[in-house]
Amino acid sequence: MEASTKNNVPKLVNNLNLYIDQSGLVRCKGRLGKIVNIDQNVADPILLPRDSFLTVLYIRHFHHQRMHLGLNSTLDALRLGGFWIPKGRVAVRSELRRCMICTKMNGLPFRYPKVTDYLAD
């Protein structure tokens, strides 16, 4: 029975090379691990669950920190902050749609209705 449980490892664990560090955080083993000049948090980012409220708070924090620049800037700030979200682009996009400041700044101007003809009595 133990042999069958070893084969049932989730795809996410194998794809991201997940491991648990000394602090008990789940981290992704990245390709940048052997680069000397890079921060360890960027090389092996902390895995955040996509549907967690904590993840939403981190997305909002980095979005405000980047002054509402947009999707790519927010995702870049998250990754440089040492966090990895599975399907991160989808998670960030769905949260940016809820940002009221971005909605106001990126919205189209008000259009006036078409002028109707005058009625002669």
PDB file of N, CA and C in Angstrom:
ATOM      1  N   MET A   1       0.816  -1.187   0.000  1.00  0.00           N
ATOM      2  CA  MET A   1       0.000   0.000   0.000  1.00  0.00           C
ATOM      3  C   MET A   1       0.869   1.264   0.000  1.00  0.00           C
ATOM      4  N   GLU A   2       2.042   1.207   0.591  1.00  0.00           N
ATOM      5  CA  GLU A   2       2.909   2.382   0.642  1.00  0.00           C
ATOM      6  C   GLU A   2       3.446   2.739  -0.734  1.00  0.00           C
ATOM      7  N   ALA A   3       3.665   1.760  -1.571  1.00  0.00           N
ATOM      8  CA  ALA A   3       4.176   2.029  -2.908  1.00  0.00           C
ATOM      9  C   ALA A   3       3.166   2.809  -3.742  1.00  0.00           C
ATOM     10  N   SER A   4       1.877   2.539  -3.546  1.00  0.00           N
ATOM     11  CA  SER A   4       0.867   3.259  -4.317  1.00  0.00           C
ATOM     12  C   SER A   4       0.715   4.705  -3.852  1.00  0.00           C
ATOM     13  N   THR A   5       0.966   4.975  -2.569  1.00  0.00           N
ATOM     14  CA  THR A   5       0.866   6.354  -2.093  1.00  0.00           C
ATOM     15  C   THR A   5       2.040   7.186  -2.583  1.00  0.00           C
ATOM     16  N   LYS A   6       3.183   6.577  -2.812  1.00  0.00           N
ATOM     17  CA  LYS A   6       4.336   7.333  -3.331  1.00  0.00           C
ATOM     18  C   LYS A   6       4.103   7.749  -4.776  1.00  0.00           C
ATOM     19  N   ASN A   7       3.359   6.954  -5.525  1.00  0.00           N
ATOM     20  CA  ASN A   7       3.092   7.276  -6.918  1.00  0.00           C
ATOM     21  C   ASN A   7       1.997   8.317  -7.073  1.00  0.00           C
ATOM     22  N   ASN A   8       1.236   8.597  -6.023  1.00  0.00           N
ATOM     23  CA  ASN A   8       0.128   9.553  -6.084  1.00  0.00           C
ATOM     24  C   ASN A   8       0.549  10.946  -5.641  1.00  0.00           C
ATOM     25  N   VAL A   9       1.738  11.356  -6.003  1.00  0.00           N
ATOM     26  CA  VAL A   9       2.207  12.697  -5.673  1.00  0.00           C
ATOM     27  C   VAL A   9       1.510  13.682  -6.606  1.00  0.00           C
ATOM     28  N   PRO A  10       0.955  14.775  -6.062  1.00  0.00           N
ATOM     29  CA  PRO A  10       0.264  15.746  -6.929  1.00  0.00           C
ATOM     30  C   PRO A  10       1.198  16.335  -7.985  1.00  0.00           C
ATOM     31  N   LYS A  11       0.618  16.695  -9.120  1.00  0.00           N
ATOM     32  CA  LYS A  11       1.392  17.269 -10.224  1.00  0.00           C
ATOM     33  C   LYS A  11       2.111  18.547  -9.819  1.00  0.00           C
ATOM     34  N   LEU A  12       1.458  19.355  -8.999  1.00  0.00           N
ATOM     35  CA  LEU A  12       2.031  20.636  -8.593  1.00  0.00           C
ATOM     36  C   LEU A  12       3.347  20.448  -7.844  1.00  0.00           C
ATOM     37  N   VAL A  13       3.432  19.413  -7.026  1.00  0.00           N
ATOM     38  CA  VAL A  13       4.653  19.149  -6.269  1.00  0.00           C
ATOM     39  C   VAL A  13       5.794  18.812  -7.218  1.00  0.00           C
ATOM     40  N   ASN A  14       5.535  18.005  -8.206  1.00  0.00           N
ATOM     41  CA  ASN A  14       6.585  17.636  -9.157  1.00  0.00           C
ATOM     42  C   ASN A  14       6.936  18.780 -10.099  1.00  0.00           C
ATOM     43  N   ASN A  15       5.947  19.522 -10.570  1.00  0.00           N
ATOM     44  CA  ASN A  15       6.209  20.595 -11.531  1.00  0.00           C
ATOM     45  C   ASN A  15       6.989  21.749 -10.919  1.00  0.00           C
ATOM     46  N   LEU A  16       6.692  22.095  -9.686  1.00  0.00           N
ATOM     47  CA  LEU A  16       7.343  23.245  -9.048  1.00  0.00           C
ATOM     48  C   LEU A  16       8.476  22.850  -8.107  1.00  0.00           C
ATOM     49  N   ASN A  17       8.752  21.549  -7.990  1.00  0.00           N
ATOM     50  CA  ASN A  17       9.807  21.058  -7.088  1.00  0.00           C
ATOM     51  C   ASN A  17       9.624  21.626  -5.686  1.00  0.00           C
ATOM     52  N   LEU A  18       8.481  21.394  -5.102  1.00  0.00           N
ATOM     53  CA  LEU A  18       8.138  21.945  -3.792  1.00  0.00           C
ATOM     54  C   LEU A  18       8.896  21.242  -2.681  1.00  0.00           C
ATOM     55  N   TYR A  19       9.255  22.026  -1.670  1.00  0.00           N
ATOM     56  CA  TYR A  19       9.866  21.480  -0.462  1.00  0.00           C
ATOM     57  C   TYR A  19       9.488  22.377   0.706  1.00  0.00           C
ATOM     58  N   ILE A  20       9.692  21.881   1.919  1.00  0.00           N
ATOM     59  CA  ILE A  20       9.391  22.643   3.133  1.00  0.00           C
ATOM     60  C   ILE A  20      10.714  23.087   3.739  1.00  0.00           C
ATOM     61  N   ASP A  21      10.841  24.414   3.966  1.00  0.00           N
ATOM     62  CA  ASP A  21      12.102  24.940   4.515  1.00  0.00           C
ATOM     63  C   ASP A  21      12.136  24.803   6.036  1.00  0.00           C
ATOM     64  N   GLN A  22      13.165  25.384   6.659  1.00  0.00           N
ATOM     65  CA  GLN A  22      13.356  25.269   8.105  1.00  0.00           C
ATOM     66  C   GLN A  22      12.249  25.948   8.889  1.00  0.00           C
ATOM     67  N   SER A  23      11.614  26.963   8.317  1.00  0.00           N
ATOM     68  CA  SER A  23      10.542  27.689   8.998  1.00  0.00           C
ATOM     69  C   SER A  23       9.182  27.024   8.824  1.00  0.00           C
ATOM     70  N   GLY A  24       9.111  25.993   8.025  1.00  0.00           N
ATOM     71  CA  GLY A  24       7.846  25.312   7.784  1.00  0.00           C
ATOM     72  C   GLY A  24       7.065  25.887   6.617  1.00  0.00           C
ATOM     73  N   LEU A  25       7.683  26.732   5.802  1.00  0.00           N
ATOM     74  CA  LEU A  25       7.032  27.323   4.635  1.00  0.00           C
ATOM     75  C   LEU A  25       7.251  26.436   3.417  1.00  0.00           C
ATOM     76  N   VAL A  26       6.238  26.341   2.581  1.00  0.00           N
ATOM     77  CA  VAL A  26       6.366  25.579   1.344  1.00  0.00           C
ATOM     78  C   VAL A  26       6.996  26.486   0.294  1.00  0.00           C
ATOM     79  N   ARG A  27       8.104  26.043  -0.251  1.00  0.00           N
ATOM     80  CA  ARG A  27       8.842  26.833  -1.239  1.00  0.00           C
ATOM     81  C   ARG A  27       8.966  26.068  -2.545  1.00  0.00           C
ATOM     82  N   CYS A  28       9.182  26.824  -3.626  1.00  0.00           N
ATOM     83  CA  CYS A  28       9.397  26.250  -4.952  1.00  0.00           C
ATOM     84  C   CYS A  28      10.890  26.287  -5.244  1.00  0.00           C
ATOM     85  N   LYS A  29      11.422  25.182  -5.657  1.00  0.00           N
ATOM     86  CA  LYS A  29      12.832  25.136  -6.023  1.00  0.00           C
ATOM     87  C   LYS A  29      12.952  25.693  -7.421  1.00  0.00           C
ATOM     88  N   GLY A  30      13.540  26.870  -7.551  1.00  0.00           N
ATOM     89  CA  GLY A  30      13.626  27.535  -8.842  1.00  0.00           C
ATOM     90  C   GLY A  30      14.896  27.198  -9.592  1.00  0.00           C
ATOM     91  N   ARG A  31      14.986  27.715 -10.808  1.00  0.00           N
ATOM     92  CA  ARG A  31      16.170  27.492 -11.639  1.00  0.00           C
ATOM     93  C   ARG A  31      17.293  28.448 -11.278  1.00  0.00           C
ATOM     94  N   LEU A  32      17.004  29.432 -10.444  1.00  0.00           N
ATOM     95  CA  LEU A  32      17.988  30.463 -10.122  1.00  0.00           C
ATOM     96  C   LEU A  32      18.775  30.155  -8.850  1.00  0.00           C
ATOM     97  N   GLY A  33      18.717  28.940  -8.370  1.00  0.00           N
ATOM     98  CA  GLY A  33      19.304  28.587  -7.086  1.00  0.00           C
ATOM     99  C   GLY A  33      20.809  28.737  -6.999  1.00  0.00           C
ATOM    100  N   LYS A  34      21.520  28.581  -8.107  1.00  0.00           N
ATOM    101  CA  LYS A  34      22.980  28.623  -8.067  1.00  0.00           C
ATOM    102  C   LYS A  34      23.560  29.996  -8.384  1.00  0.00           C
ATOM    103  N   ILE A  35      22.715  30.974  -8.642  1.00  0.00           N
ATOM    104  CA  ILE A  35      23.204  32.326  -8.914  1.00  0.00           C
ATOM    105  C   ILE A  35      23.548  32.987  -7.588  1.00  0.00           C
ATOM    106  N   VAL A  36      24.742  33.537  -7.484  1.00  0.00           N
ATOM    107  CA  VAL A  36      25.234  34.088  -6.221  1.00  0.00           C
ATOM    108  C   VAL A  36      24.614  35.448  -5.918  1.00  0.00           C
ATOM    109  N   ASN A  37      24.375  36.269  -6.924  1.00  0.00           N
ATOM    110  CA  ASN A  37      23.949  37.650  -6.722  1.00  0.00           C
ATOM    111  C   ASN A  37      22.461  37.809  -6.464  1.00  0.00           C
ATOM    112  N   ILE A  38      21.705  36.745  -6.441  1.00  0.00           N
ATOM    113  CA  ILE A  38      20.252  36.852  -6.301  1.00  0.00           C
ATOM    114  C   ILE A  38      19.837  36.451  -4.885  1.00  0.00           C
ATOM    115  N   ASP A  39      18.796  37.100  -4.410  1.00  0.00           N
ATOM    116  CA  ASP A  39      18.270  36.818  -3.075  1.00  0.00           C
ATOM    117  C   ASP A  39      17.686  35.403  -3.028  1.00  0.00           C
ATOM    118  N   GLN A  40      17.842  34.737  -1.907  1.00  0.00           N
ATOM    119  CA  GLN A  40      17.341  33.379  -1.756  1.00  0.00           C
ATOM    120  C   GLN A  40      15.823  33.327  -1.860  1.00  0.00           C
ATOM    121  N   ASN A  41      15.122  34.372  -1.420  1.00  0.00           N
ATOM    122  CA  ASN A  41      13.656  34.406  -1.520  1.00  0.00           C
ATOM    123  C   ASN A  41      13.183  34.469  -2.968  1.00  0.00           C
ATOM    124  N   VAL A  42      13.959  35.097  -3.827  1.00  0.00           N
ATOM    125  CA  VAL A  42      13.598  35.170  -5.241  1.00  0.00           C
ATOM    126  C   VAL A  42      13.944  33.859  -5.937  1.00  0.00           C
ATOM    127  N   ALA A  43      15.051  33.251  -5.550  1.00  0.00           N
ATOM    128  CA  ALA A  43      15.458  31.987  -6.169  1.00  0.00           C
ATOM    129  C   ALA A  43      14.514  30.853  -5.786  1.00  0.00           C
ATOM    130  N   ASP A  44      14.089  30.804  -4.529  1.00  0.00           N
ATOM    131  CA  ASP A  44      13.170  29.775  -4.047  1.00  0.00           C
ATOM    132  C   ASP A  44      11.973  30.465  -3.395  1.00  0.00           C
ATOM    133  N   PRO A  45      10.986  30.902  -4.208  1.00  0.00           N
ATOM    134  CA  PRO A  45       9.869  31.680  -3.664  1.00  0.00           C
ATOM    135  C   PRO A  45       8.916  30.843  -2.819  1.00  0.00           C
ATOM    136  N   ILE A  46       8.197  31.530  -1.939  1.00  0.00           N
ATOM    137  CA  ILE A  46       7.176  30.906  -1.093  1.00  0.00           C
ATOM    138  C   ILE A  46       5.938  30.672  -1.948  1.00  0.00           C
ATOM    139  N   LEU A  47       5.364  29.489  -1.837  1.00  0.00           N
ATOM    140  CA  LEU A  47       4.155  29.150  -2.587  1.00  0.00           C
ATOM    141  C   LEU A  47       2.935  29.677  -1.843  1.00  0.00           C
ATOM    142  N   LEU A  48       2.128  30.485  -2.534  1.00  0.00           N
ATOM    143  CA  LEU A  48       0.875  30.988  -1.982  1.00  0.00           C
ATOM    144  C   LEU A  48      -0.286  30.301  -2.687  1.00  0.00           C
ATOM    145  N   PRO A  49      -1.297  29.840  -1.940  1.00  0.00           N
ATOM    146  CA  PRO A  49      -2.453  29.236  -2.606  1.00  0.00           C
ATOM    147  C   PRO A  49      -3.245  30.282  -3.383  1.00  0.00           C
ATOM    148  N   ARG A  50      -3.752  29.901  -4.523  1.00  0.00           N
ATOM    149  CA  ARG A  50      -4.407  30.855  -5.413  1.00  0.00           C
ATOM    150  C   ARG A  50      -5.698  31.398  -4.843  1.00  0.00           C
ATOM    151  N   ASP A  51      -6.446  30.587  -4.096  1.00  0.00           N
ATOM    152  CA  ASP A  51      -7.768  30.992  -3.620  1.00  0.00           C
ATOM    153  C   ASP A  51      -7.764  31.397  -2.156  1.00  0.00           C
ATOM    154  N   SER A  52      -6.660  31.872  -1.640  1.00  0.00           N
ATOM    155  CA  SER A  52      -6.556  32.236  -0.235  1.00  0.00           C
ATOM    156  C   SER A  52      -6.739  33.743  -0.056  1.00  0.00           C
ATOM    157  N   PHE A  53      -7.291  34.133   1.090  1.00  0.00           N
ATOM    158  CA  PHE A  53      -7.441  35.560   1.384  1.00  0.00           C
ATOM    159  C   PHE A  53      -6.079  36.209   1.614  1.00  0.00           C
ATOM    160  N   LEU A  54      -5.135  35.453   2.149  1.00  0.00           N
ATOM    161  CA  LEU A  54      -3.772  35.965   2.327  1.00  0.00           C
ATOM    162  C   LEU A  54      -3.155  36.326   0.977  1.00  0.00           C
ATOM    163  N   THR A  55      -3.408  35.509  -0.019  1.00  0.00           N
ATOM    164  CA  THR A  55      -2.901  35.791  -1.364  1.00  0.00           C
ATOM    165  C   THR A  55      -3.517  37.071  -1.914  1.00  0.00           C
ATOM    166  N   VAL A  56      -4.805  37.256  -1.682  1.00  0.00           N
ATOM    167  CA  VAL A  56      -5.481  38.488  -2.122  1.00  0.00           C
ATOM    168  C   VAL A  56      -4.856  39.705  -1.451  1.00  0.00           C
ATOM    169  N   LEU A  57      -4.543  39.600  -0.182  1.00  0.00           N
ATOM    170  CA  LEU A  57      -3.918  40.717   0.528  1.00  0.00           C
ATOM    171  C   LEU A  57      -2.537  41.031  -0.033  1.00  0.00           C
ATOM    172  N   TYR A  58      -1.761  40.000  -0.350  1.00  0.00           N
ATOM    173  CA  TYR A  58      -0.446  40.231  -0.951  1.00  0.00           C
ATOM    174  C   TYR A  58      -0.578  40.872  -2.325  1.00  0.00           C
ATOM    175  N   ILE A  59      -1.536  40.425  -3.125  1.00  0.00           N
ATOM    176  CA  ILE A  59      -1.745  41.025  -4.450  1.00  0.00           C
ATOM    177  C   ILE A  59      -2.116  42.495  -4.309  1.00  0.00           C
ATOM    178  N   ARG A  60      -3.027  42.805  -3.401  1.00  0.00           N
ATOM    179  CA  ARG A  60      -3.424  44.209  -3.190  1.00  0.00           C
ATOM    180  C   ARG A  60      -2.245  45.054  -2.708  1.00  0.00           C
ATOM    181  N   HIS A  61      -1.444  44.490  -1.803  1.00  0.00           N
ATOM    182  CA  HIS A  61      -0.290  45.228  -1.271  1.00  0.00           C
ATOM    183  C   HIS A  61       0.691  45.588  -2.384  1.00  0.00           C
ATOM    184  N   PHE A  62       1.056  44.606  -3.197  1.00  0.00           N
ATOM    185  CA  PHE A  62       2.023  44.875  -4.264  1.00  0.00           C
ATOM    186  C   PHE A  62       1.414  45.725  -5.370  1.00  0.00           C
ATOM    187  N   HIS A  63       0.109  45.636  -5.574  1.00  0.00           N
ATOM    188  CA  HIS A  63      -0.553  46.483  -6.565  1.00  0.00           C
ATOM    189  C   HIS A  63      -0.528  47.948  -6.125  1.00  0.00           C
ATOM    190  N   HIS A  64      -0.794  48.192  -4.850  1.00  0.00           N
ATOM    191  CA  HIS A  64      -0.721  49.573  -4.334  1.00  0.00           C
ATOM    192  C   HIS A  64       0.717  50.053  -4.282  1.00  0.00           C
ATOM    193  N   GLN A  65       1.640  49.168  -3.981  1.00  0.00           N
ATOM    194  CA  GLN A  65       3.050  49.539  -3.927  1.00  0.00           C
ATOM    195  C   GLN A  65       3.549  49.973  -5.310  1.00  0.00           C
ATOM    196  N   ARG A  66       3.071  49.316  -6.356  1.00  0.00           N
ATOM    197  CA  ARG A  66       3.446  49.670  -7.725  1.00  0.00           C
ATOM    198  C   ARG A  66       2.554  50.758  -8.310  1.00  0.00           C
ATOM    199  N   MET A  67       1.741  51.376  -7.479  1.00  0.00           N
ATOM    200  CA  MET A  67       0.906  52.523  -7.833  1.00  0.00           C
ATOM    201  C   MET A  67      -0.037  52.226  -8.996  1.00  0.00           C
ATOM    202  N   HIS A  68      -0.679  51.049  -8.941  1.00  0.00           N
ATOM    203  CA  HIS A  68      -1.743  50.678  -9.868  1.00  0.00           C
ATOM    204  C   HIS A  68      -1.280  50.635 -11.330  1.00  0.00           C
ATOM    205  N   LEU A  69      -0.042  50.186 -11.559  1.00  0.00           N
ATOM    206  CA  LEU A  69       0.473  50.158 -12.932  1.00  0.00           C
ATOM    207  C   LEU A  69      -0.165  49.078 -13.787  1.00  0.00           C
ATOM    208  N   GLY A  70      -0.548  47.973 -13.205  1.00  0.00           N
ATOM    209  CA  GLY A  70      -1.215  46.965 -14.004  1.00  0.00           C
ATOM    210  C   GLY A  70      -0.794  45.554 -13.669  1.00  0.00           C
ATOM    211  N   LEU A  71      -1.198  44.645 -14.517  1.00  0.00           N
ATOM    212  CA  LEU A  71      -1.042  43.220 -14.290  1.00  0.00           C
ATOM    213  C   LEU A  71       0.423  42.796 -14.247  1.00  0.00           C
ATOM    214  N   ASN A  72       1.181  43.119 -15.283  1.00  0.00           N
ATOM    215  CA  ASN A  72       2.563  42.662 -15.357  1.00  0.00           C
ATOM    216  C   ASN A  72       3.421  43.250 -14.249  1.00  0.00           C
ATOM    217  N   SER A  73       3.199  44.494 -13.924  1.00  0.00           N
ATOM    218  CA  SER A  73       3.972  45.132 -12.871  1.00  0.00           C
ATOM    219  C   SER A  73       3.667  44.522 -11.507  1.00  0.00           C
ATOM    220  N   THR A  74       2.411  44.234 -11.248  1.00  0.00           N
ATOM    221  CA  THR A  74       2.021  43.621  -9.978  1.00  0.00           C
ATOM    222  C   THR A  74       2.563  42.201  -9.867  1.00  0.00           C
ATOM    223  N   LEU A  75       2.476  41.442 -10.934  1.00  0.00           N
ATOM    224  CA  LEU A  75       2.987  40.077 -10.929  1.00  0.00           C
ATOM    225  C   LEU A  75       4.500  40.061 -10.767  1.00  0.00           C
ATOM    226  N   ASP A  76       5.183  40.998 -11.392  1.00  0.00           N
ATOM    227  CA  ASP A  76       6.631  41.116 -11.255  1.00  0.00           C
ATOM    228  C   ASP A  76       7.011  41.471  -9.821  1.00  0.00           C
ATOM    229  N   ALA A  77       6.263  42.371  -9.196  1.00  0.00           N
ATOM    230  CA  ALA A  77       6.546  42.747  -7.809  1.00  0.00           C
ATOM    231  C   ALA A  77       6.327  41.574  -6.862  1.00  0.00           C
ATOM    232  N   LEU A  78       5.300  40.771  -7.111  1.00  0.00           N
ATOM    233  CA  LEU A  78       5.053  39.576  -6.305  1.00  0.00           C
ATOM    234  C   LEU A  78       6.222  38.604  -6.405  1.00  0.00           C
ATOM    235  N   ARG A  79       6.689  38.370  -7.603  1.00  0.00           N
ATOM    236  CA  ARG A  79       7.779  37.415  -7.799  1.00  0.00           C
ATOM    237  C   ARG A  79       9.092  37.940  -7.236  1.00  0.00           C
ATOM    238  N   LEU A  80       9.338  39.232  -7.372  1.00  0.00           N
ATOM    239  CA  LEU A  80      10.550  39.801  -6.775  1.00  0.00           C
ATOM    240  C   LEU A  80      10.444  39.888  -5.263  1.00  0.00           C
ATOM    241  N   GLY A  81       9.222  39.874  -4.749  1.00  0.00           N
ATOM    242  CA  GLY A  81       9.004  39.861  -3.312  1.00  0.00           C
ATOM    243  C   GLY A  81       9.202  38.488  -2.699  1.00  0.00           C
ATOM    244  N   GLY A  82       9.373  37.478  -3.545  1.00  0.00           N
ATOM    245  CA  GLY A  82       9.645  36.140  -3.052  1.00  0.00           C
ATOM    246  C   GLY A  82       8.414  35.271  -2.923  1.00  0.00           C
ATOM    247  N   PHE A  83       7.387  35.508  -3.757  1.00  0.00           N
ATOM    248  CA  PHE A  83       6.157  34.735  -3.692  1.00  0.00           C
ATOM    249  C   PHE A  83       5.834  34.160  -5.062  1.00  0.00           C
ATOM    250  N   TRP A  84       5.255  32.971  -5.068  1.00  0.00           N
ATOM    251  CA  TRP A  84       4.814  32.329  -6.303  1.00  0.00           C
ATOM    252  C   TRP A  84       3.377  31.873  -6.113  1.00  0.00           C
ATOM    253  N   ILE A  85       2.530  32.217  -7.073  1.00  0.00           N
ATOM    254  CA  ILE A  85       1.123  31.824  -7.052  1.00  0.00           C
ATOM    255  C   ILE A  85       0.881  30.944  -8.277  1.00  0.00           C
ATOM    256  N   PRO A  86       0.363  29.724  -8.078  1.00  0.00           N
ATOM    257  CA  PRO A  86       0.001  28.923  -9.251  1.00  0.00           C
ATOM    258  C   PRO A  86      -1.091  29.638 -10.046  1.00  0.00           C
ATOM    259  N   LYS A  87      -0.912  29.706 -11.347  1.00  0.00           N
ATOM    260  CA  LYS A  87      -1.800  30.473 -12.234  1.00  0.00           C
ATOM    261  C   LYS A  87      -1.910  31.907 -11.724  1.00  0.00           C
ATOM    262  N   GLY A  88      -0.760  32.498 -11.460  1.00  0.00           N
ATOM    263  CA  GLY A  88      -0.687  33.831 -10.862  1.00  0.00           C
ATOM    264  C   GLY A  88      -1.278  34.927 -11.715  1.00  0.00           C
ATOM    265  N   ARG A  89      -1.128  34.816 -13.021  1.00  0.00           N
ATOM    266  CA  ARG A  89      -1.669  35.849 -13.909  1.00  0.00           C
ATOM    267  C   ARG A  89      -3.188  35.913 -13.797  1.00  0.00           C
ATOM    268  N   VAL A  90      -3.833  34.763 -13.683  1.00  0.00           N
ATOM    269  CA  VAL A  90      -5.295  34.722 -13.542  1.00  0.00           C
ATOM    270  C   VAL A  90      -5.712  35.307 -12.196  1.00  0.00           C
ATOM    271  N   ALA A  91      -4.976  34.963 -11.135  1.00  0.00           N
ATOM    272  CA  ALA A  91      -5.311  35.461  -9.801  1.00  0.00           C
ATOM    273  C   ALA A  91      -5.142  36.972  -9.712  1.00  0.00           C
ATOM    274  N   VAL A  92      -4.054  37.496 -10.276  1.00  0.00           N
ATOM    275  CA  VAL A  92      -3.811  38.939 -10.229  1.00  0.00           C
ATOM    276  C   VAL A  92      -4.832  39.673 -11.082  1.00  0.00           C
ATOM    277  N   ARG A  93      -5.149  39.146 -12.265  1.00  0.00           N
ATOM    278  CA  ARG A  93      -6.119  39.799 -13.141  1.00  0.00           C
ATOM    279  C   ARG A  93      -7.489  39.887 -12.474  1.00  0.00           C
ATOM    280  N   SER A  94      -7.906  38.814 -11.812  1.00  0.00           N
ATOM    281  CA  SER A  94      -9.227  38.840 -11.176  1.00  0.00           C
ATOM    282  C   SER A  94      -9.262  39.818 -10.010  1.00  0.00           C
ATOM    283  N   GLU A  95      -8.148  39.997  -9.338  1.00  0.00           N
ATOM    284  CA  GLU A  95      -8.115  40.956  -8.231  1.00  0.00           C
ATOM    285  C   GLU A  95      -8.030  42.392  -8.742  1.00  0.00           C
ATOM    286  N   LEU A  96      -7.334  42.620  -9.848  1.00  0.00           N
ATOM    287  CA  LEU A  96      -7.230  43.979 -10.391  1.00  0.00           C
ATOM    288  C   LEU A  96      -8.558  44.461 -10.946  1.00  0.00           C
ATOM    289  N   ARG A  97      -9.420  43.552 -11.349  1.00  0.00           N
ATOM    290  CA  ARG A  97     -10.754  43.953 -11.810  1.00  0.00           C
ATOM    291  C   ARG A  97     -11.596  44.508 -10.675  1.00  0.00           C
ATOM    292  N   ARG A  98     -11.251  44.162  -9.454  1.00  0.00           N
ATOM    293  CA  ARG A  98     -11.996  44.659  -8.292  1.00  0.00           C
ATOM    294  C   ARG A  98     -11.439  45.981  -7.761  1.00  0.00           C
ATOM    295  N   CYS A  99     -10.312  46.437  -8.283  1.00  0.00           N
ATOM    296  CA  CYS A  99      -9.682  47.667  -7.800  1.00  0.00           C
ATOM    297  C   CYS A  99     -10.472  48.877  -8.300  1.00  0.00           C
ATOM    298  N   MET A 100     -11.031  49.635  -7.378  1.00  0.00           N
ATOM    299  CA  MET A 100     -11.865  50.783  -7.748  1.00  0.00           C
ATOM    300  C   MET A 100     -11.045  51.914  -8.362  1.00  0.00           C
ATOM    301  N   ILE A 101      -9.835  52.126  -7.888  1.00  0.00           N
ATOM    302  CA  ILE A 101      -8.990  53.198  -8.429  1.00  0.00           C
ATOM    303  C   ILE A 101      -8.660  52.911  -9.893  1.00  0.00           C
ATOM    304  N   CYS A 102      -8.310  51.666 -10.196  1.00  0.00           N
ATOM    305  CA  CYS A 102      -8.008  51.304 -11.575  1.00  0.00           C
ATOM    306  C   CYS A 102      -9.251  51.401 -12.453  1.00  0.00           C
ATOM    307  N   THR A 103     -10.403  51.033 -11.912  1.00  0.00           N
ATOM    308  CA  THR A 103     -11.642  51.124 -12.668  1.00  0.00           C
ATOM    309  C   THR A 103     -11.953  52.574 -13.021  1.00  0.00           C
ATOM    310  N   LYS A 104     -11.746  53.480 -12.080  1.00  0.00           N
ATOM    311  CA  LYS A 104     -12.014  54.903 -12.334  1.00  0.00           C
ATOM    312  C   LYS A 104     -11.014  55.494 -13.315  1.00  0.00           C
ATOM    313  N   MET A 105      -9.741  55.117 -13.172  1.00  0.00           N
ATOM    314  CA  MET A 105      -8.713  55.709 -14.020  1.00  0.00           C
ATOM    315  C   MET A 105      -8.727  55.141 -15.438  1.00  0.00           C
ATOM    316  N   ASN A 106      -9.097  53.884 -15.586  1.00  0.00           N
ATOM    317  CA  ASN A 106      -9.053  53.247 -16.894  1.00  0.00           C
ATOM    318  C   ASN A 106     -10.404  53.219 -17.598  1.00  0.00           C
ATOM    319  N   GLY A 107     -11.429  53.763 -16.962  1.00  0.00           N
ATOM    320  CA  GLY A 107     -12.755  53.756 -17.564  1.00  0.00           C
ATOM    321  C   GLY A 107     -12.865  54.751 -18.703  1.00  0.00           C
ATOM    322  N   LEU A 108     -13.829  54.514 -19.556  1.00  0.00           N
ATOM    323  CA  LEU A 108     -14.058  55.421 -20.675  1.00  0.00           C
ATOM    324  C   LEU A 108     -14.854  56.633 -20.200  1.00  0.00           C
ATOM    325  N   PRO A 109     -14.695  57.775 -20.872  1.00  0.00           N
ATOM    326  CA  PRO A 109     -15.463  58.945 -20.473  1.00  0.00           C
ATOM    327  C   PRO A 109     -16.950  58.753 -20.756  1.00  0.00           C
ATOM    328  N   PHE A 110     -17.741  59.535 -20.078  1.00  0.00           N
ATOM    329  CA  PHE A 110     -19.191  59.467 -20.223  1.00  0.00           C
ATOM    330  C   PHE A 110     -19.582  59.963 -21.610  1.00  0.00           C
ATOM    331  N   ARG A 111     -20.451  59.240 -22.251  1.00  0.00           N
ATOM    332  CA  ARG A 111     -20.968  59.678 -23.551  1.00  0.00           C
ATOM    333  C   ARG A 111     -22.356  60.268 -23.368  1.00  0.00           C
ATOM    334  N   TYR A 112     -22.574  61.382 -23.981  1.00  0.00           N
ATOM    335  CA  TYR A 112     -23.890  62.000 -23.936  1.00  0.00           C
ATOM    336  C   TYR A 112     -24.834  61.247 -24.865  1.00  0.00           C
ATOM    337  N   PRO A 113     -26.116  61.204 -24.521  1.00  0.00           N
ATOM    338  CA  PRO A 113     -27.049  60.519 -25.415  1.00  0.00           C
ATOM    339  C   PRO A 113     -27.246  61.328 -26.705  1.00  0.00           C
ATOM    340  N   LYS A 114     -27.720  60.641 -27.731  1.00  0.00           N
ATOM    341  CA  LYS A 114     -27.956  61.315 -28.993  1.00  0.00           C
ATOM    342  C   LYS A 114     -29.042  62.386 -28.820  1.00  0.00           C
ATOM    343  N   VAL A 115     -28.860  63.487 -29.490  1.00  0.00           N
ATOM    344  CA  VAL A 115     -29.822  64.577 -29.424  1.00  0.00           C
ATOM    345  C   VAL A 115     -31.003  64.232 -30.322  1.00  0.00           C
ATOM    346  N   THR A 116     -32.174  64.347 -29.777  1.00  0.00           N
ATOM    347  CA  THR A 116     -33.382  64.051 -30.554  1.00  0.00           C
ATOM    348  C   THR A 116     -33.878  65.308 -31.256  1.00  0.00           C
ATOM    349  N   ASP A 117     -34.732  65.133 -32.233  1.00  0.00           N
ATOM    350  CA  ASP A 117     -35.319  66.258 -32.952  1.00  0.00           C
ATOM    351  C   ASP A 117     -36.358  66.943 -32.075  1.00  0.00           C
ATOM    352  N   TYR A 118     -36.484  68.235 -32.275  1.00  0.00           N
ATOM    353  CA  TYR A 118     -37.534  68.983 -31.561  1.00  0.00           C
ATOM    354  C   TYR A 118     -38.891  68.649 -32.158  1.00  0.00           C
ATOM    355  N   LEU A 119     -39.867  68.599 -31.295  1.00  0.00           N
ATOM    356  CA  LEU A 119     -41.235  68.379 -31.758  1.00  0.00           C
ATOM    357  C   LEU A 119     -41.923  69.736 -31.922  1.00  0.00           C
ATOM    358  N   ALA A 120     -42.475  69.956 -33.060  1.00  0.00           N
ATOM    359  CA  ALA A 120     -43.185  71.220 -33.298  1.00  0.00           C
ATOM    360  C   ALA A 120     -44.660  71.017 -32.964  1.00  0.00           C
ATOM    361  N   ASP A 121     -45.195  71.914 -32.173  1.00  0.00           N
ATOM    362  CA  ASP A 121     -46.622  71.839 -31.807  1.00  0.00           C
ATOM    363  C   ASP A 121     -47.449  72.723 -32.667  1.00  0.00           C
TER     364      ASP A 121
END
